[in-house]
Amino acid sequence: MDHPLLSSNNKQLRQRVVHLIRAGYNVRREGNIIFVCGGNKTTDMRMQFAEYCKSHHPEFNVFFPEFAMKNYFSSSVDEQFDIADFERLVGDLSHAVVLFPEAPGSYAEVGYFAAIKAISLKTILVMDSKFQGSDSFISMGPARKISSASKFHAAMQIDYSQPQFSDIVKKIKKFEFSKYRKQLSFTTFKAMANYEKFCLIYKCFHLLGIATISDIMFMMSSIFSTHFSRNDVIKLTSILIGSGYLMQRGDYGHYYVNTLREPLTNTVEGFLSHEKAIFLELSSIYSSSPSEFLSILEDSRRAA
């Protein structure tokens, strides 16, 4: 069930949507995603820290990579999944990477993140003070490397039995979320930063109201012709879903923008009336759409 905008009858409207996307939006210079790694048990620090942030710091968008991986594997992909590449992408989109070495996977991530400059720059390594002496392997090796590379200067120890999560938050807030914006301006998909691609895909979902990944691929073709990476679009869409910017509706793989999250894009003042006119025309073509599409659209609007 394709989106009505994709119909050949609506080619002119689609071209206007593409023009609006190319010129009509600003984005923040960085996101508010806090990428958190560690254990999966409810008693583990990662899970407790996520709950703490949910209660005390709703401005943080806490993200677990497995949430996105689930959606990635449910999509049609053309290449083998590379967890390291995926984590590099998530790290690139994040404001901070909080790592609790408390499970086998997270032990491996300590060494891996220490070796990747783009991730170690944003990493806050939080070790258990009961087990990390000054001569431990992590303290002597990866922790020192992360501490020297991280802009947060953040290899720290806390008591896992009585964690003071506020100390971690102080580290995160050492660099406030950027309040400055820039225009979403681009020529080629390849030349765009990952965060710009992230915001572009988000905007496509927002303008379409509800859309499948196939619908977004069609829009990418309209914007970039054939010169874009399908797998990048799938990965970034998976992260949008996993971080709660997109919500699923219906049984056909449709997603809509979660309005409870702070928008990733703002409309440039000179394009406000243009955007309003496009939304009105989209509403007009929806009236003659199949009943199943209308039902999913109405459900998503009520949920939003």
Protein backbone atom coordinates (compact mmCIF):
# COMPACT_ATOMS: atom_id res chain seq x y z
CA MET A 1 0.00 0.00 0.00
CA ASP A 2 1.96 2.96 -1.35
CA HIS A 3 1.56 6.49 -0.01
CA PRO A 4 -0.81 8.58 -2.20
CA LEU A 5 1.91 11.18 -2.80
CA LEU A 6 3.89 8.57 -4.73
CA SER A 7 1.19 8.28 -7.40
CA SER A 8 2.05 9.58 -10.88
CA ASN A 9 -1.07 11.75 -10.60
CA ASN A 10 0.61 13.70 -7.81
CA LYS A 11 3.99 14.27 -9.45
CA GLN A 12 3.77 18.08 -9.33
CA LEU A 13 2.86 18.09 -5.64
CA ARG A 14 5.70 15.67 -4.95
CA GLN A 15 8.13 18.02 -6.71
CA ARG A 16 6.96 20.86 -4.48
CA VAL A 17 7.49 18.68 -1.42
CA VAL A 18 11.05 17.93 -2.58
CA HIS A 19 11.70 21.65 -3.10
CA LEU A 20 10.41 22.36 0.41
CA ILE A 21 12.68 19.67 1.88
CA ARG A 22 15.68 21.07 0.03
CA ALA A 23 15.23 24.68 1.17
CA GLY A 24 12.67 25.02 3.93
CA TYR A 25 14.11 23.56 7.14
CA ASN A 26 16.64 24.18 9.89
CA VAL A 27 18.13 21.48 12.10
CA ARG A 28 19.98 21.53 15.39
CA ARG A 29 23.73 21.20 15.04
CA GLU A 30 23.62 17.99 17.06
CA GLY A 31 21.09 15.67 18.64
CA ASN A 32 20.19 14.88 22.25
CA ILE A 33 20.65 11.12 22.03
CA ILE A 34 22.47 9.51 24.96
CA PHE A 35 23.79 6.16 23.74
CA VAL A 36 23.95 3.81 26.77
CA CYS A 37 25.79 0.48 26.79
CA GLY A 38 25.97 -2.17 29.51
CA GLY A 39 23.93 -5.07 30.89
CA ASN A 40 20.33 -6.02 30.16
CA LYS A 41 19.12 -7.11 33.60
CA THR A 42 16.83 -4.78 35.51
CA THR A 43 19.43 -4.64 38.27
CA ASP A 44 22.21 -3.61 35.88
CA MET A 45 23.48 -0.05 35.87
CA ARG A 46 22.44 0.58 32.27
CA MET A 47 18.80 -0.18 32.97
CA GLN A 48 18.81 1.75 36.26
CA PHE A 49 20.45 4.76 34.62
CA ALA A 50 17.84 4.75 31.84
CA GLU A 51 15.04 4.77 34.42
CA TYR A 52 16.75 7.57 36.34
CA CYS A 53 16.98 9.70 33.21
CA LYS A 54 13.37 8.98 32.32
CA SER A 55 12.25 10.27 35.73
CA HIS A 56 14.71 13.14 36.29
CA HIS A 57 16.00 14.17 32.86
CA PRO A 58 13.33 13.79 30.17
CA GLU A 59 15.40 16.12 27.96
CA PHE A 60 17.77 13.17 27.45
CA ASN A 61 16.84 10.77 24.68
CA VAL A 62 18.31 7.54 26.10
CA PHE A 63 18.98 5.02 23.37
CA PHE A 64 19.76 1.29 23.44
CA PRO A 65 21.25 -0.01 20.16
CA GLU A 66 19.30 -3.28 20.25
CA PHE A 67 16.04 -1.32 19.84
CA ALA A 68 17.24 -0.15 16.44
CA MET A 69 18.80 -3.49 15.48
CA LYS A 70 15.43 -5.22 15.83
CA ASN A 71 13.94 -2.92 13.19
CA TYR A 72 17.03 -3.17 10.99
CA PHE A 73 16.75 -6.95 10.79
CA SER A 74 13.05 -6.73 9.91
CA SER A 75 13.93 -4.63 6.84
CA SER A 76 15.19 -5.75 3.44
CA VAL A 77 18.95 -5.12 3.48
CA ASP A 78 21.54 -5.72 0.80
CA GLU A 79 24.63 -6.21 2.95
CA GLN A 80 25.69 -8.25 5.99
CA PHE A 81 25.04 -6.55 9.31
CA ASP A 82 28.16 -5.08 10.94
CA ILE A 83 27.59 -4.28 14.63
CA ALA A 84 30.81 -2.23 14.79
CA ASP A 85 29.75 -0.07 11.85
CA PHE A 86 26.29 0.32 13.36
CA GLU A 87 27.71 1.44 16.70
CA ARG A 88 29.99 3.93 14.95
CA LEU A 89 26.92 5.41 13.29
CA VAL A 90 25.01 5.61 16.59
CA GLY A 91 28.06 7.18 18.22
CA ASP A 92 28.19 9.76 15.46
CA LEU A 93 24.55 10.72 16.12
CA SER A 94 24.91 10.86 19.91
CA HIS A 95 25.63 13.73 22.27
CA ALA A 96 27.28 11.30 24.70
CA VAL A 97 28.05 7.59 24.96
CA VAL A 98 27.66 6.25 28.52
CA LEU A 99 29.34 2.87 28.95
CA PHE A 100 28.91 0.61 32.00
CA PRO A 101 31.36 -2.35 31.72
CA GLU A 102 29.13 -4.88 33.48
CA ALA A 103 28.47 -7.66 30.95
CA PRO A 104 30.56 -9.59 28.37
CA GLY A 105 29.38 -7.44 25.46
CA SER A 106 30.14 -4.20 27.26
CA TYR A 107 33.62 -5.43 28.27
CA ALA A 108 34.39 -5.80 24.57
CA GLU A 109 32.92 -2.37 23.86
CA VAL A 110 35.37 -0.73 26.28
CA GLY A 111 38.31 -1.80 24.15
CA TYR A 112 36.53 -1.15 20.88
CA PHE A 113 35.29 2.33 21.81
CA ALA A 114 38.74 3.28 23.09
CA ALA A 115 40.16 2.51 19.65
CA ILE A 116 37.61 4.55 17.66
CA LYS A 117 38.35 8.26 17.92
CA ALA A 118 34.84 9.46 16.96
CA ILE A 119 33.27 7.32 19.73
CA SER A 120 35.93 7.77 22.44
CA LEU A 121 35.56 11.55 21.99
CA LYS A 122 31.99 11.27 23.36
CA THR A 123 32.41 8.36 25.79
CA ILE A 124 31.80 8.48 29.54
CA LEU A 125 33.17 5.23 30.98
CA VAL A 126 31.53 4.42 34.33
CA MET A 127 33.32 1.65 36.24
CA ASP A 128 32.40 -0.11 39.49
CA SER A 129 34.71 1.25 42.20
CA LYS A 130 34.61 -2.09 44.04
CA PHE A 131 36.30 -3.97 41.22
CA GLN A 132 38.44 -1.42 39.38
CA GLY A 133 41.68 -0.85 41.20
CA SER A 134 44.27 1.48 39.76
CA ASP A 135 46.15 -1.54 38.37
CA SER A 136 43.18 -3.30 36.71
CA PHE A 137 43.30 -4.02 33.00
CA ILE A 138 40.49 -1.58 32.18
CA SER A 139 41.91 1.17 34.40
CA MET A 140 45.43 0.84 33.05
CA GLY A 141 44.48 0.46 29.38
CA PRO A 142 41.18 1.46 27.77
CA ALA A 143 40.06 3.73 30.63
CA ARG A 144 43.17 5.88 30.38
CA LYS A 145 42.82 6.07 26.63
CA ILE A 146 39.14 7.04 26.80
CA SER A 147 39.78 9.59 29.55
CA SER A 148 42.47 11.33 27.51
CA ALA A 149 40.45 11.25 24.28
CA SER A 150 36.97 12.09 25.63
CA LYS A 151 35.83 15.69 25.56
CA PHE A 152 34.16 14.87 28.90
CA HIS A 153 37.53 13.67 30.32
CA ALA A 154 35.34 10.94 31.64
CA ALA A 155 36.57 7.65 32.93
CA MET A 156 34.94 7.58 36.34
CA GLN A 157 34.20 5.15 39.16
CA ILE A 158 31.01 4.86 41.17
CA ASP A 159 29.68 2.37 43.68
CA TYR A 160 27.38 0.16 41.62
CA SER A 161 25.55 -0.87 44.81
CA GLN A 162 24.67 2.78 45.59
CA PRO A 163 25.02 4.62 42.30
CA GLN A 164 25.02 8.41 42.21
CA PHE A 165 23.71 8.89 38.68
CA SER A 166 23.68 12.64 39.17
CA ASP A 167 27.49 12.54 38.87
CA ILE A 168 27.15 11.05 35.37
CA VAL A 169 24.56 13.68 34.44
CA LYS A 170 26.99 16.42 35.50
CA LYS A 171 29.51 14.98 33.07
CA ILE A 172 26.94 14.87 30.26
CA LYS A 173 25.90 18.45 30.95
CA LYS A 174 29.47 19.65 30.86
CA PHE A 175 28.66 20.26 27.21
CA GLU A 176 25.09 21.52 26.88
CA PHE A 177 22.94 20.43 23.97
CA SER A 178 23.49 22.85 21.12
CA LYS A 179 20.79 25.52 20.89
CA TYR A 180 22.08 26.72 17.55
CA ARG A 181 20.61 25.67 14.26
CA LYS A 182 21.70 25.52 10.66
CA GLN A 183 19.82 25.16 7.42
CA LEU A 184 19.28 21.64 6.16
CA SER A 185 21.11 22.25 2.92
CA PHE A 186 22.62 19.56 0.71
CA THR A 187 23.69 18.66 -2.80
CA THR A 188 24.46 14.93 -2.64
CA PHE A 189 23.54 12.22 -0.16
CA LYS A 190 27.16 11.17 0.20
CA ALA A 191 28.29 14.67 1.20
CA MET A 192 25.75 14.95 4.01
CA ALA A 193 26.74 14.36 7.63
CA ASN A 194 25.00 11.40 9.25
CA TYR A 195 23.02 13.69 11.55
CA GLU A 196 21.77 15.68 8.55
CA LYS A 197 20.65 12.44 6.87
CA PHE A 198 18.96 11.46 10.13
CA CYS A 199 16.99 14.74 10.17
CA LEU A 200 16.17 14.51 6.46
CA ILE A 201 14.59 11.07 6.83
CA TYR A 202 12.69 12.28 9.90
CA LYS A 203 11.32 15.21 7.87
CA CYS A 204 10.16 12.92 5.08
CA PHE A 205 8.16 10.84 7.57
CA HIS A 206 6.72 14.02 9.08
CA LEU A 207 5.57 15.46 5.76
CA LEU A 208 4.02 12.18 4.64
CA GLY A 209 2.10 11.77 7.90
CA ILE A 210 2.51 8.01 7.83
CA ALA A 211 4.93 6.13 5.61
CA THR A 212 6.70 2.82 5.13
CA ILE A 213 10.43 2.51 4.56
CA SER A 214 9.58 1.78 0.91
CA ASP A 215 7.77 5.14 0.71
CA ILE A 216 10.86 6.85 2.13
CA MET A 217 13.07 5.10 -0.42
CA PHE A 218 10.84 6.53 -3.16
CA MET A 219 11.22 10.01 -1.65
CA MET A 220 15.00 9.58 -1.49
CA SER A 221 14.93 8.70 -5.19
CA SER A 222 12.93 11.84 -5.87
CA ILE A 223 15.46 13.96 -3.95
CA PHE A 224 18.73 12.31 -5.02
CA SER A 225 17.77 10.30 -8.12
CA THR A 226 19.49 6.92 -7.60
CA HIS A 227 22.54 8.35 -5.84
CA PHE A 228 21.92 7.36 -2.22
CA SER A 229 22.62 4.39 0.03
CA ARG A 230 19.56 2.23 0.72
CA ASN A 231 21.32 0.55 3.63
CA ASP A 232 22.18 3.90 5.21
CA VAL A 233 18.53 4.92 4.96
CA ILE A 234 17.45 1.66 6.62
CA LYS A 235 20.02 2.01 9.42
CA LEU A 236 19.09 5.63 10.11
CA THR A 237 15.38 4.85 10.01
CA SER A 238 15.99 2.00 12.47
CA ILE A 239 17.73 4.43 14.83
CA LEU A 240 14.82 6.90 14.48
CA ILE A 241 12.48 4.08 15.49
CA GLY A 242 14.75 2.77 18.25
CA SER A 243 15.21 6.24 19.76
CA GLY A 244 11.47 6.89 19.80
CA TYR A 245 11.29 9.57 17.11
CA LEU A 246 9.12 7.28 14.98
CA MET A 247 6.25 5.07 16.13
CA GLN A 248 4.71 2.12 14.30
CA ARG A 249 1.05 1.87 13.36
CA GLY A 250 -0.92 -0.87 11.64
CA ASP A 251 0.21 -4.16 10.12
CA TYR A 252 1.87 -2.83 6.96
CA GLY A 253 5.05 -1.32 8.42
CA HIS A 254 3.81 2.28 8.61
CA TYR A 255 5.52 4.78 10.90
CA TYR A 256 4.65 8.28 12.05
CA VAL A 257 6.52 11.01 13.93
CA ASN A 258 6.24 10.93 17.71
CA THR A 259 5.08 14.44 18.63
CA LEU A 260 6.12 13.92 22.27
CA ARG A 261 9.74 14.19 21.15
CA GLU A 262 11.25 17.59 20.46
CA PRO A 263 11.17 18.03 16.64
CA LEU A 264 14.44 17.46 14.81
CA THR A 265 13.60 20.17 12.27
CA ASN A 266 12.15 23.69 12.28
CA THR A 267 10.51 25.37 9.30
CA VAL A 268 12.35 28.39 7.90
CA GLU A 269 10.12 31.42 8.43
CA GLY A 270 9.83 32.23 4.73
CA PHE A 271 8.51 28.72 4.01
CA LEU A 272 5.78 28.49 6.65
CA SER A 273 2.95 29.36 4.26
CA HIS A 274 4.42 27.05 1.61
CA GLU A 275 4.47 24.16 4.08
CA LYS A 276 0.91 24.89 5.21
CA ALA A 277 -0.32 24.85 1.61
CA ILE A 278 1.36 21.50 1.00
CA PHE A 279 -0.21 19.95 4.10
CA LEU A 280 -3.63 21.17 2.91
CA GLU A 281 -3.11 19.62 -0.54
CA LEU A 282 -1.95 16.37 1.02
CA SER A 283 -5.10 16.30 3.15
CA SER A 284 -7.12 16.78 -0.03
CA ILE A 285 -5.61 13.76 -1.80
CA TYR A 286 -5.98 11.63 1.32
CA SER A 287 -9.77 11.97 1.07
CA SER A 288 -9.80 9.76 -2.01
CA SER A 289 -7.26 7.25 -0.68
CA PRO A 290 -8.05 3.59 0.11
CA SER A 291 -9.95 3.08 3.36
CA GLU A 292 -7.11 1.02 4.88
CA PHE A 293 -4.65 3.89 4.40
CA LEU A 294 -7.11 6.40 5.88
CA SER A 295 -7.72 4.14 8.87
CA ILE A 296 -3.98 3.89 9.63
CA LEU A 297 -3.55 7.63 9.12
CA GLU A 298 -6.39 8.48 11.48
CA ASP A 299 -5.10 6.00 14.08
CA SER A 300 -1.64 7.58 13.97
CA ARG A 301 -3.07 11.08 14.33
CA ARG A 302 -5.03 10.05 17.40
CA ALA A 303 -1.98 8.33 18.88
CA ALA A 304 0.29 11.32 18.21
